[in-house]
Amino acid sequence: MKLTSVHDLKPNRIVETLEGTILRSYPLSMGFARNRWIPIRRVILADSSGWVIVKVWGSVATELLRHQRIRIEGGYCFEQNGSLCVTIGIHPRLMICTQA
């Protein structure tokens, strides 16, 4: 498992592993996917090399708090409005390493 830093992210690529601390958590919203409504939350994830917006889907979106350390496995990096974003999809591979 290769740990990727925020500085090394490139658009339209799969992110093997990304670990960082949540600096900001935006309000929860709902999105319609696979014929049902699913909670969605955007968070700002930072590591020693920078920060990136992460789009979190599913039940884990309701559990994230500021200052938690999380690890994302198998995310997808894309470019939106000129900035990089990472999404973990509907079935998250996200682990909360430390509680806030």
PDB file of N, CA and C in Angstrom:
ATOM      1  N   MET A   1       0.849  -1.170   0.000  1.00  0.00           N
ATOM      2  CA  MET A   1       0.000   0.000   0.000  1.00  0.00           C
ATOM      3  C   MET A   1       0.898   1.237   0.000  1.00  0.00           C
ATOM      4  N   LYS A   2       0.792   2.010  -1.070  1.00  0.00           N
ATOM      5  CA  LYS A   2       1.627   3.197  -1.239  1.00  0.00           C
ATOM      6  C   LYS A   2       0.874   4.430  -0.756  1.00  0.00           C
ATOM      7  N   LEU A   3       1.451   5.140   0.202  1.00  0.00           N
ATOM      8  CA  LEU A   3       0.840   6.352   0.744  1.00  0.00           C
ATOM      9  C   LEU A   3       1.116   7.517  -0.204  1.00  0.00           C
ATOM     10  N   THR A   4       0.061   8.197  -0.630  1.00  0.00           N
ATOM     11  CA  THR A   4       0.165   9.338  -1.530  1.00  0.00           C
ATOM     12  C   THR A   4       0.038  10.619  -0.725  1.00  0.00           C
ATOM     13  N   SER A   5       0.864  11.606  -1.035  1.00  0.00           N
ATOM     14  CA  SER A   5       0.722  12.907  -0.377  1.00  0.00           C
ATOM     15  C   SER A   5      -0.163  13.799  -1.252  1.00  0.00           C
ATOM     16  N   VAL A   6      -0.724  14.831  -0.671  1.00  0.00           N
ATOM     17  CA  VAL A   6      -1.595  15.753  -1.401  1.00  0.00           C
ATOM     18  C   VAL A   6      -0.832  16.397  -2.555  1.00  0.00           C
ATOM     19  N   HIS A   7       0.426  16.695  -2.353  1.00  0.00           N
ATOM     20  CA  HIS A   7       1.257  17.327  -3.380  1.00  0.00           C
ATOM     21  C   HIS A   7       1.375  16.457  -4.632  1.00  0.00           C
ATOM     22  N   ASP A   8       1.317  15.138  -4.478  1.00  0.00           N
ATOM     23  CA  ASP A   8       1.497  14.210  -5.593  1.00  0.00           C
ATOM     24  C   ASP A   8       0.205  13.860  -6.328  1.00  0.00           C
ATOM     25  N   LEU A   9      -0.934  14.392  -5.906  1.00  0.00           N
ATOM     26  CA  LEU A   9      -2.205  14.068  -6.554  1.00  0.00           C
ATOM     27  C   LEU A   9      -2.252  14.631  -7.968  1.00  0.00           C
ATOM     28  N   LYS A  10      -2.825  13.837  -8.880  1.00  0.00           N
ATOM     29  CA  LYS A  10      -3.011  14.258 -10.262  1.00  0.00           C
ATOM     30  C   LYS A  10      -4.451  13.943 -10.662  1.00  0.00           C
ATOM     31  N   PRO A  11      -5.081  14.807 -11.481  1.00  0.00           N
ATOM     32  CA  PRO A  11      -6.485  14.570 -11.844  1.00  0.00           C
ATOM     33  C   PRO A  11      -6.665  13.314 -12.694  1.00  0.00           C
ATOM     34  N   ASN A  12      -7.861  12.744 -12.609  1.00  0.00           N
ATOM     35  CA  ASN A  12      -8.264  11.562 -13.374  1.00  0.00           C
ATOM     36  C   ASN A  12      -7.403  10.341 -13.067  1.00  0.00           C
ATOM     37  N   ARG A  13      -7.064  10.185 -11.815  1.00  0.00           N
ATOM     38  CA  ARG A  13      -6.268   9.034 -11.372  1.00  0.00           C
ATOM     39  C   ARG A  13      -6.847   8.464 -10.087  1.00  0.00           C
ATOM     40  N   ILE A  14      -6.620   7.183  -9.880  1.00  0.00           N
ATOM     41  CA  ILE A  14      -7.027   6.527  -8.637  1.00  0.00           C
ATOM     42  C   ILE A  14      -5.976   6.816  -7.573  1.00  0.00           C
ATOM     43  N   VAL A  15      -6.439   7.101  -6.364  1.00  0.00           N
ATOM     44  CA  VAL A  15      -5.558   7.371  -5.230  1.00  0.00           C
ATOM     45  C   VAL A  15      -5.507   6.097  -4.389  1.00  0.00           C
ATOM     46  N   GLU A  16      -4.336   5.460  -4.327  1.00  0.00           N
ATOM     47  CA  GLU A  16      -4.226   4.219  -3.554  1.00  0.00           C
ATOM     48  C   GLU A  16      -4.530   4.461  -2.081  1.00  0.00           C
ATOM     49  N   THR A  17      -3.744   5.320  -1.438  1.00  0.00           N
ATOM     50  CA  THR A  17      -3.932   5.631  -0.021  1.00  0.00           C
ATOM     51  C   THR A  17      -3.599   7.098   0.210  1.00  0.00           C
ATOM     52  N   LEU A  18      -4.490   7.783   0.907  1.00  0.00           N
ATOM     53  CA  LEU A  18      -4.288   9.188   1.253  1.00  0.00           C
ATOM     54  C   LEU A  18      -4.648   9.347   2.716  1.00  0.00           C
ATOM     55  N   GLU A  19      -3.734   9.911   3.486  1.00  0.00           N
ATOM     56  CA  GLU A  19      -3.965  10.076   4.919  1.00  0.00           C
ATOM     57  C   GLU A  19      -3.747  11.531   5.298  1.00  0.00           C
ATOM     58  N   GLY A  20      -4.620  12.045   6.155  1.00  0.00           N
ATOM     59  CA  GLY A  20      -4.482  13.427   6.587  1.00  0.00           C
ATOM     60  C   GLY A  20      -5.464  13.780   7.686  1.00  0.00           C
ATOM     61  N   THR A  21      -5.470  15.051   8.045  1.00  0.00           N
ATOM     62  CA  THR A  21      -6.323  15.572   9.110  1.00  0.00           C
ATOM     63  C   THR A  21      -7.408  16.448   8.499  1.00  0.00           C
ATOM     64  N   ILE A  22      -8.624  16.332   9.007  1.00  0.00           N
ATOM     65  CA  ILE A  22      -9.735  17.151   8.526  1.00  0.00           C
ATOM     66  C   ILE A  22      -9.607  18.549   9.126  1.00  0.00           C
ATOM     67  N   LEU A  23      -9.421  19.545   8.255  1.00  0.00           N
ATOM     68  CA  LEU A  23      -9.321  20.933   8.711  1.00  0.00           C
ATOM     69  C   LEU A  23     -10.682  21.606   8.774  1.00  0.00           C
ATOM     70  N   ARG A  24     -11.549  21.259   7.831  1.00  0.00           N
ATOM     71  CA  ARG A  24     -12.871  21.883   7.769  1.00  0.00           C
ATOM     72  C   ARG A  24     -13.872  20.858   7.278  1.00  0.00           C
ATOM     73  N   SER A  25     -15.070  20.936   7.806  1.00  0.00           N
ATOM     74  CA  SER A  25     -16.151  20.049   7.401  1.00  0.00           C
ATOM     75  C   SER A  25     -17.339  20.906   6.986  1.00  0.00           C
ATOM     76  N   TYR A  26     -17.767  20.778   5.751  1.00  0.00           N
ATOM     77  CA  TYR A  26     -18.893  21.556   5.245  1.00  0.00           C
ATOM     78  C   TYR A  26     -20.207  20.907   5.662  1.00  0.00           C
ATOM     79  N   PRO A  27     -21.313  21.646   5.619  1.00  0.00           N
ATOM     80  CA  PRO A  27     -22.607  21.080   6.029  1.00  0.00           C
ATOM     81  C   PRO A  27     -22.994  19.855   5.198  1.00  0.00           C
ATOM     82  N   LEU A  28     -23.698  18.964   5.823  1.00  0.00           N
ATOM     83  CA  LEU A  28     -24.167  17.740   5.192  1.00  0.00           C
ATOM     84  C   LEU A  28     -25.249  18.068   4.171  1.00  0.00           C
ATOM     85  N   SER A  29     -25.199  17.410   3.020  1.00  0.00           N
ATOM     86  CA  SER A  29     -26.255  17.554   2.020  1.00  0.00           C
ATOM     87  C   SER A  29     -26.669  16.154   1.569  1.00  0.00           C
ATOM     88  N   MET A  30     -27.669  16.084   0.737  1.00  0.00           N
ATOM     89  CA  MET A  30     -28.156  14.791   0.259  1.00  0.00           C
ATOM     90  C   MET A  30     -28.024  14.740  -1.258  1.00  0.00           C
ATOM     91  N   GLY A  31     -27.614  13.579  -1.773  1.00  0.00           N
ATOM     92  CA  GLY A  31     -27.498  13.375  -3.207  1.00  0.00           C
ATOM     93  C   GLY A  31     -28.266  12.130  -3.610  1.00  0.00           C
ATOM     94  N   PHE A  32     -28.792  12.129  -4.822  1.00  0.00           N
ATOM     95  CA  PHE A  32     -29.574  10.993  -5.299  1.00  0.00           C
ATOM     96  C   PHE A  32     -28.689  10.118  -6.168  1.00  0.00           C
ATOM     97  N   ALA A  33     -28.449   8.893  -5.742  1.00  0.00           N
ATOM     98  CA  ALA A  33     -27.625   7.944  -6.491  1.00  0.00           C
ATOM     99  C   ALA A  33     -28.159   6.539  -6.253  1.00  0.00           C
ATOM    100  N   ARG A  34     -28.131   5.740  -7.290  1.00  0.00           N
ATOM    101  CA  ARG A  34     -28.609   4.356  -7.208  1.00  0.00           C
ATOM    102  C   ARG A  34     -30.025   4.271  -6.644  1.00  0.00           C
ATOM    103  N   ASN A  35     -30.878   5.158  -7.130  1.00  0.00           N
ATOM    104  CA  ASN A  35     -32.303   5.186  -6.772  1.00  0.00           C
ATOM    105  C   ASN A  35     -32.579   5.409  -5.293  1.00  0.00           C
ATOM    106  N   ARG A  36     -31.710   6.119  -4.615  1.00  0.00           N
ATOM    107  CA  ARG A  36     -31.954   6.454  -3.209  1.00  0.00           C
ATOM    108  C   ARG A  36     -31.204   7.736  -2.860  1.00  0.00           C
ATOM    109  N   TRP A  37     -31.608   8.353  -1.750  1.00  0.00           N
ATOM    110  CA  TRP A  37     -30.946   9.560  -1.262  1.00  0.00           C
ATOM    111  C   TRP A  37     -29.816   9.160  -0.325  1.00  0.00           C
ATOM    112  N   ILE A  38     -28.644   9.754  -0.544  1.00  0.00           N
ATOM    113  CA  ILE A  38     -27.442   9.399   0.213  1.00  0.00           C
ATOM    114  C   ILE A  38     -26.828  10.674   0.788  1.00  0.00           C
ATOM    115  N   PRO A  39     -26.395  10.644   2.075  1.00  0.00           N
ATOM    116  CA  PRO A  39     -25.721  11.825   2.637  1.00  0.00           C
ATOM    117  C   PRO A  39     -24.363  12.066   1.964  1.00  0.00           C
ATOM    118  N   ILE A  40     -24.065  13.342   1.720  1.00  0.00           N
ATOM    119  CA  ILE A  40     -22.797  13.747   1.101  1.00  0.00           C
ATOM    120  C   ILE A  40     -22.218  14.884   1.928  1.00  0.00           C
ATOM    121  N   ARG A  41     -20.916  14.832   2.147  1.00  0.00           N
ATOM    122  CA  ARG A  41     -20.249  15.925   2.861  1.00  0.00           C
ATOM    123  C   ARG A  41     -18.895  16.175   2.200  1.00  0.00           C
ATOM    124  N   ARG A  42     -18.567  17.446   2.059  1.00  0.00           N
ATOM    125  CA  ARG A  42     -17.231  17.817   1.582  1.00  0.00           C
ATOM    126  C   ARG A  42     -16.402  18.218   2.793  1.00  0.00           C
ATOM    127  N   VAL A  43     -15.166  17.744   2.827  1.00  0.00           N
ATOM    128  CA  VAL A  43     -14.243  18.102   3.902  1.00  0.00           C
ATOM    129  C   VAL A  43     -12.931  18.554   3.272  1.00  0.00           C
ATOM    130  N   ILE A  44     -12.184  19.356   4.006  1.00  0.00           N
ATOM    131  CA  ILE A  44     -10.837  19.750   3.596  1.00  0.00           C
ATOM    132  C   ILE A  44      -9.871  18.847   4.346  1.00  0.00           C
ATOM    133  N   LEU A  45      -9.097  18.073   3.595  1.00  0.00           N
ATOM    134  CA  LEU A  45      -8.127  17.144   4.176  1.00  0.00           C
ATOM    135  C   LEU A  45      -6.722  17.695   3.944  1.00  0.00           C
ATOM    136  N   ALA A  46      -5.923  17.761   4.998  1.00  0.00           N
ATOM    137  CA  ALA A  46      -4.571  18.320   4.891  1.00  0.00           C
ATOM    138  C   ALA A  46      -3.543  17.322   5.394  1.00  0.00           C
ATOM    139  N   ASP A  47      -2.389  17.327   4.728  1.00  0.00           N
ATOM    140  CA  ASP A  47      -1.223  16.614   5.241  1.00  0.00           C
ATOM    141  C   ASP A  47      -0.052  17.592   5.223  1.00  0.00           C
ATOM    142  N   SER A  48       1.153  17.110   5.373  1.00  0.00           N
ATOM    143  CA  SER A  48       2.313  18.005   5.461  1.00  0.00           C
ATOM    144  C   SER A  48       2.624  18.717   4.148  1.00  0.00           C
ATOM    145  N   SER A  49       2.044  18.262   3.026  1.00  0.00           N
ATOM    146  CA  SER A  49       2.368  18.861   1.735  1.00  0.00           C
ATOM    147  C   SER A  49       1.290  19.798   1.189  1.00  0.00           C
ATOM    148  N   GLY A  50       0.117  19.852   1.825  1.00  0.00           N
ATOM    149  CA  GLY A  50      -0.943  20.729   1.338  1.00  0.00           C
ATOM    150  C   GLY A  50      -2.315  20.245   1.756  1.00  0.00           C
ATOM    151  N   TRP A  51      -3.350  20.726   1.034  1.00  0.00           N
ATOM    152  CA  TRP A  51      -4.723  20.341   1.356  1.00  0.00           C
ATOM    153  C   TRP A  51      -5.496  20.059   0.080  1.00  0.00           C
ATOM    154  N   VAL A  52      -6.591  19.292   0.226  1.00  0.00           N
ATOM    155  CA  VAL A  52      -7.438  18.933  -0.905  1.00  0.00           C
ATOM    156  C   VAL A  52      -8.877  18.786  -0.409  1.00  0.00           C
ATOM    157  N   ILE A  53      -9.834  19.047  -1.293  1.00  0.00           N
ATOM    158  CA  ILE A  53     -11.244  18.830  -0.972  1.00  0.00           C
ATOM    159  C   ILE A  53     -11.558  17.353  -1.176  1.00  0.00           C
ATOM    160  N   VAL A  54     -12.233  16.751  -0.205  1.00  0.00           N
ATOM    161  CA  VAL A  54     -12.627  15.347  -0.299  1.00  0.00           C
ATOM    162  C   VAL A  54     -14.146  15.270  -0.220  1.00  0.00           C
ATOM    163  N   LYS A  55     -14.742  14.572  -1.175  1.00  0.00           N
ATOM    164  CA  LYS A  55     -16.190  14.377  -1.209  1.00  0.00           C
ATOM    165  C   LYS A  55     -16.486  12.996  -0.627  1.00  0.00           C
ATOM    166  N   VAL A  56     -17.205  12.976   0.491  1.00  0.00           N
ATOM    167  CA  VAL A  56     -17.484  11.737   1.222  1.00  0.00           C
ATOM    168  C   VAL A  56     -18.960  11.393   1.066  1.00  0.00           C
ATOM    169  N   TRP A  57     -19.240  10.158   0.679  1.00  0.00           N
ATOM    170  CA  TRP A  57     -20.606   9.671   0.466  1.00  0.00           C
ATOM    171  C   TRP A  57     -20.967   8.652   1.532  1.00  0.00           C
ATOM    172  N   GLY A  58     -22.259   8.481   1.775  1.00  0.00           N
ATOM    173  CA  GLY A  58     -22.752   7.395   2.613  1.00  0.00           C
ATOM    174  C   GLY A  58     -22.774   7.724   4.092  1.00  0.00           C
ATOM    175  N   SER A  59     -22.955   6.679   4.887  1.00  0.00           N
ATOM    176  CA  SER A  59     -23.132   6.863   6.331  1.00  0.00           C
ATOM    177  C   SER A  59     -21.903   7.460   7.008  1.00  0.00           C
ATOM    178  N   VAL A  60     -20.719   7.214   6.463  1.00  0.00           N
ATOM    179  CA  VAL A  60     -19.508   7.760   7.081  1.00  0.00           C
ATOM    180  C   VAL A  60     -19.484   9.288   6.998  1.00  0.00           C
ATOM    181  N   ALA A  61     -20.233   9.876   6.071  1.00  0.00           N
ATOM    182  CA  ALA A  61     -20.286  11.338   5.934  1.00  0.00           C
ATOM    183  C   ALA A  61     -20.875  11.995   7.178  1.00  0.00           C
ATOM    184  N   THR A  62     -21.708  11.281   7.908  1.00  0.00           N
ATOM    185  CA  THR A  62     -22.323  11.841   9.113  1.00  0.00           C
ATOM    186  C   THR A  62     -21.417  11.724  10.334  1.00  0.00           C
ATOM    187  N   GLU A  63     -20.347  10.936  10.240  1.00  0.00           N
ATOM    188  CA  GLU A  63     -19.476  10.664  11.383  1.00  0.00           C
ATOM    189  C   GLU A  63     -18.219  11.521  11.434  1.00  0.00           C
ATOM    190  N   LEU A  64     -17.899  12.226  10.357  1.00  0.00           N
ATOM    191  CA  LEU A  64     -16.635  12.959  10.295  1.00  0.00           C
ATOM    192  C   LEU A  64     -16.701  14.279  11.049  1.00  0.00           C
ATOM    193  N   LEU A  65     -15.623  14.575  11.791  1.00  0.00           N
ATOM    194  CA  LEU A  65     -15.503  15.802  12.569  1.00  0.00           C
ATOM    195  C   LEU A  65     -14.168  16.471  12.263  1.00  0.00           C
ATOM    196  N   ARG A  66     -14.091  17.774  12.565  1.00  0.00           N
ATOM    197  CA  ARG A  66     -12.813  18.476  12.404  1.00  0.00           C
ATOM    198  C   ARG A  66     -11.761  17.861  13.307  1.00  0.00           C
ATOM    199  N   HIS A  67     -10.532  17.909  12.865  1.00  0.00           N
ATOM    200  CA  HIS A  67      -9.337  17.451  13.581  1.00  0.00           C
ATOM    201  C   HIS A  67      -9.225  15.931  13.678  1.00  0.00           C
ATOM    202  N   GLN A  68     -10.112  15.190  13.019  1.00  0.00           N
ATOM    203  CA  GLN A  68      -9.938  13.741  12.964  1.00  0.00           C
ATOM    204  C   GLN A  68      -8.878  13.411  11.930  1.00  0.00           C
ATOM    205  N   ARG A  69      -8.116  12.382  12.189  1.00  0.00           N
ATOM    206  CA  ARG A  69      -7.141  11.882  11.226  1.00  0.00           C
ATOM    207  C   ARG A  69      -7.787  10.709  10.503  1.00  0.00           C
ATOM    208  N   ILE A  70      -7.841  10.769   9.167  1.00  0.00           N
ATOM    209  CA  ILE A  70      -8.491   9.719   8.395  1.00  0.00           C
ATOM    210  C   ILE A  70      -7.560   9.169   7.323  1.00  0.00           C
ATOM    211  N   ARG A  71      -7.873   7.961   6.872  1.00  0.00           N
ATOM    212  CA  ARG A  71      -7.137   7.314   5.785  1.00  0.00           C
ATOM    213  C   ARG A  71      -8.148   6.898   4.720  1.00  0.00           C
ATOM    214  N   ILE A  72      -7.895   7.298   3.485  1.00  0.00           N
ATOM    215  CA  ILE A  72      -8.756   6.968   2.351  1.00  0.00           C
ATOM    216  C   ILE A  72      -8.013   5.966   1.484  1.00  0.00           C
ATOM    217  N   GLU A  73      -8.680   4.872   1.155  1.00  0.00           N
ATOM    218  CA  GLU A  73      -8.079   3.861   0.283  1.00  0.00           C
ATOM    219  C   GLU A  73      -8.942   3.704  -0.961  1.00  0.00           C
ATOM    220  N   GLY A  74      -8.327   3.791  -2.113  1.00  0.00           N
ATOM    221  CA  GLY A  74      -9.032   3.597  -3.374  1.00  0.00           C
ATOM    222  C   GLY A  74      -9.908   4.758  -3.792  1.00  0.00           C
ATOM    223  N   GLY A  75      -9.537   5.974  -3.435  1.00  0.00           N
ATOM    224  CA  GLY A  75     -10.294   7.154  -3.858  1.00  0.00           C
ATOM    225  C   GLY A  75     -10.004   7.495  -5.314  1.00  0.00           C
ATOM    226  N   TYR A  76     -10.702   8.478  -5.838  1.00  0.00           N
ATOM    227  CA  TYR A  76     -10.502   8.922  -7.206  1.00  0.00           C
ATOM    228  C   TYR A  76     -10.294  10.431  -7.200  1.00  0.00           C
ATOM    229  N   CYS A  77      -9.235  10.893  -7.837  1.00  0.00           N
ATOM    230  CA  CYS A  77      -8.903  12.313  -7.894  1.00  0.00           C
ATOM    231  C   CYS A  77      -9.399  12.892  -9.220  1.00  0.00           C
ATOM    232  N   PHE A  78     -10.047  14.048  -9.161  1.00  0.00           N
ATOM    233  CA  PHE A  78     -10.527  14.722 -10.360  1.00  0.00           C
ATOM    234  C   PHE A  78     -10.382  16.227 -10.167  1.00  0.00           C
ATOM    235  N   GLU A  79     -10.537  16.957 -11.261  1.00  0.00           N
ATOM    236  CA  GLU A  79     -10.433  18.412 -11.202  1.00  0.00           C
ATOM    237  C   GLU A  79     -11.825  19.014 -11.335  1.00  0.00           C
ATOM    238  N   GLN A  80     -12.153  19.949 -10.437  1.00  0.00           N
ATOM    239  CA  GLN A  80     -13.454  20.610 -10.465  1.00  0.00           C
ATOM    240  C   GLN A  80     -13.245  22.095 -10.208  1.00  0.00           C
ATOM    241  N   ASN A  81     -13.692  22.914 -11.135  1.00  0.00           N
ATOM    242  CA  ASN A  81     -13.550  24.372 -11.036  1.00  0.00           C
ATOM    243  C   ASN A  81     -12.098  24.792 -10.815  1.00  0.00           C
ATOM    244  N   GLY A  82     -11.169  24.101 -11.452  1.00  0.00           N
ATOM    245  CA  GLY A  82      -9.763  24.461 -11.375  1.00  0.00           C
ATOM    246  C   GLY A  82      -9.016  23.963 -10.157  1.00  0.00           C
ATOM    247  N   SER A  83      -9.677  23.223  -9.270  1.00  0.00           N
ATOM    248  CA  SER A  83      -8.974  22.688  -8.098  1.00  0.00           C
ATOM    249  C   SER A  83      -9.151  21.172  -8.033  1.00  0.00           C
ATOM    250  N   LEU A  84      -8.201  20.516  -7.395  1.00  0.00           N
ATOM    251  CA  LEU A  84      -8.258  19.064  -7.264  1.00  0.00           C
ATOM    252  C   LEU A  84      -9.244  18.656  -6.183  1.00  0.00           C
ATOM    253  N   CYS A  85      -9.958  17.576  -6.436  1.00  0.00           N
ATOM    254  CA  CYS A  85     -10.893  16.997  -5.471  1.00  0.00           C
ATOM    255  C   CYS A  85     -10.677  15.491  -5.455  1.00  0.00           C
ATOM    256  N   VAL A  86     -10.980  14.877  -4.332  1.00  0.00           N
ATOM    257  CA  VAL A  86     -10.924  13.420  -4.200  1.00  0.00           C
ATOM    258  C   VAL A  86     -12.297  12.960  -3.758  1.00  0.00           C
ATOM    259  N   THR A  87     -12.790  11.882  -4.360  1.00  0.00           N
ATOM    260  CA  THR A  87     -14.053  11.303  -3.938  1.00  0.00           C
ATOM    261  C   THR A  87     -13.815   9.856  -3.529  1.00  0.00           C
ATOM    262  N   ILE A  88     -14.565   9.402  -2.546  1.00  0.00           N
ATOM    263  CA  ILE A  88     -14.413   8.007  -2.130  1.00  0.00           C
ATOM    264  C   ILE A  88     -15.569   7.154  -2.621  1.00  0.00           C
ATOM    265  N   GLY A  89     -16.528   7.750  -3.309  1.00  0.00           N
ATOM    266  CA  GLY A  89     -17.634   6.991  -3.865  1.00  0.00           C
ATOM    267  C   GLY A  89     -18.679   6.623  -2.830  1.00  0.00           C
ATOM    268  N   ILE A  90     -19.645   5.816  -3.271  1.00  0.00           N
ATOM    269  CA  ILE A  90     -20.768   5.461  -2.414  1.00  0.00           C
ATOM    270  C   ILE A  90     -20.360   4.433  -1.365  1.00  0.00           C
ATOM    271  N   HIS A  91     -19.530   3.492  -1.741  1.00  0.00           N
ATOM    272  CA  HIS A  91     -19.077   2.467  -0.795  1.00  0.00           C
ATOM    273  C   HIS A  91     -17.693   2.869  -0.290  1.00  0.00           C
ATOM    274  N   PRO A  92     -17.645   3.540   0.857  1.00  0.00           N
ATOM    275  CA  PRO A  92     -16.383   4.140   1.305  1.00  0.00           C
ATOM    276  C   PRO A  92     -15.351   3.127   1.769  1.00  0.00           C
ATOM    277  N   ARG A  93     -14.124   3.456   1.460  1.00  0.00           N
ATOM    278  CA  ARG A  93     -12.977   2.768   2.034  1.00  0.00           C
ATOM    279  C   ARG A  93     -12.234   3.839   2.813  1.00  0.00           C
ATOM    280  N   LEU A  94     -12.832   4.220   3.903  1.00  0.00           N
ATOM    281  CA  LEU A  94     -12.307   5.303   4.718  1.00  0.00           C
ATOM    282  C   LEU A  94     -12.207   4.818   6.153  1.00  0.00           C
ATOM    283  N   MET A  95     -11.063   5.065   6.764  1.00  0.00           N
ATOM    284  CA  MET A  95     -10.857   4.646   8.144  1.00  0.00           C
ATOM    285  C   MET A  95     -10.541   5.881   8.983  1.00  0.00           C
ATOM    286  N   ILE A  96     -11.223   6.014  10.111  1.00  0.00           N
ATOM    287  CA  ILE A  96     -10.938   7.100  11.045  1.00  0.00           C
ATOM    288  C   ILE A  96      -9.818   6.624  11.957  1.00  0.00           C
ATOM    289  N   CYS A  97      -8.650   7.274  11.867  1.00  0.00           N
ATOM    290  CA  CYS A  97      -7.468   6.850  12.630  1.00  0.00           C
ATOM    291  C   CYS A  97      -7.494   7.379  14.057  1.00  0.00           C
ATOM    292  N   THR A  98      -7.890   8.648  14.245  1.00  0.00           N
ATOM    293  CA  THR A  98      -7.968   9.231  15.586  1.00  0.00           C
ATOM    294  C   THR A  98      -9.252  10.017  15.714  1.00  0.00           C
ATOM    295  N   GLN A  99      -9.798  10.054  16.904  1.00  0.00           N
ATOM    296  CA  GLN A  99     -10.997  10.837  17.163  1.00  0.00           C
ATOM    297  C   GLN A  99     -10.613  12.275  17.473  1.00  0.00           C
ATOM    298  N   ALA A 100     -11.524  13.200  17.196  1.00  0.00           N
ATOM    299  CA  ALA A 100     -11.269  14.620  17.448  1.00  0.00           C
ATOM    300  C   ALA A 100     -11.320  14.906  18.930  1.00  0.00           C
TER     301      ALA A 100
END
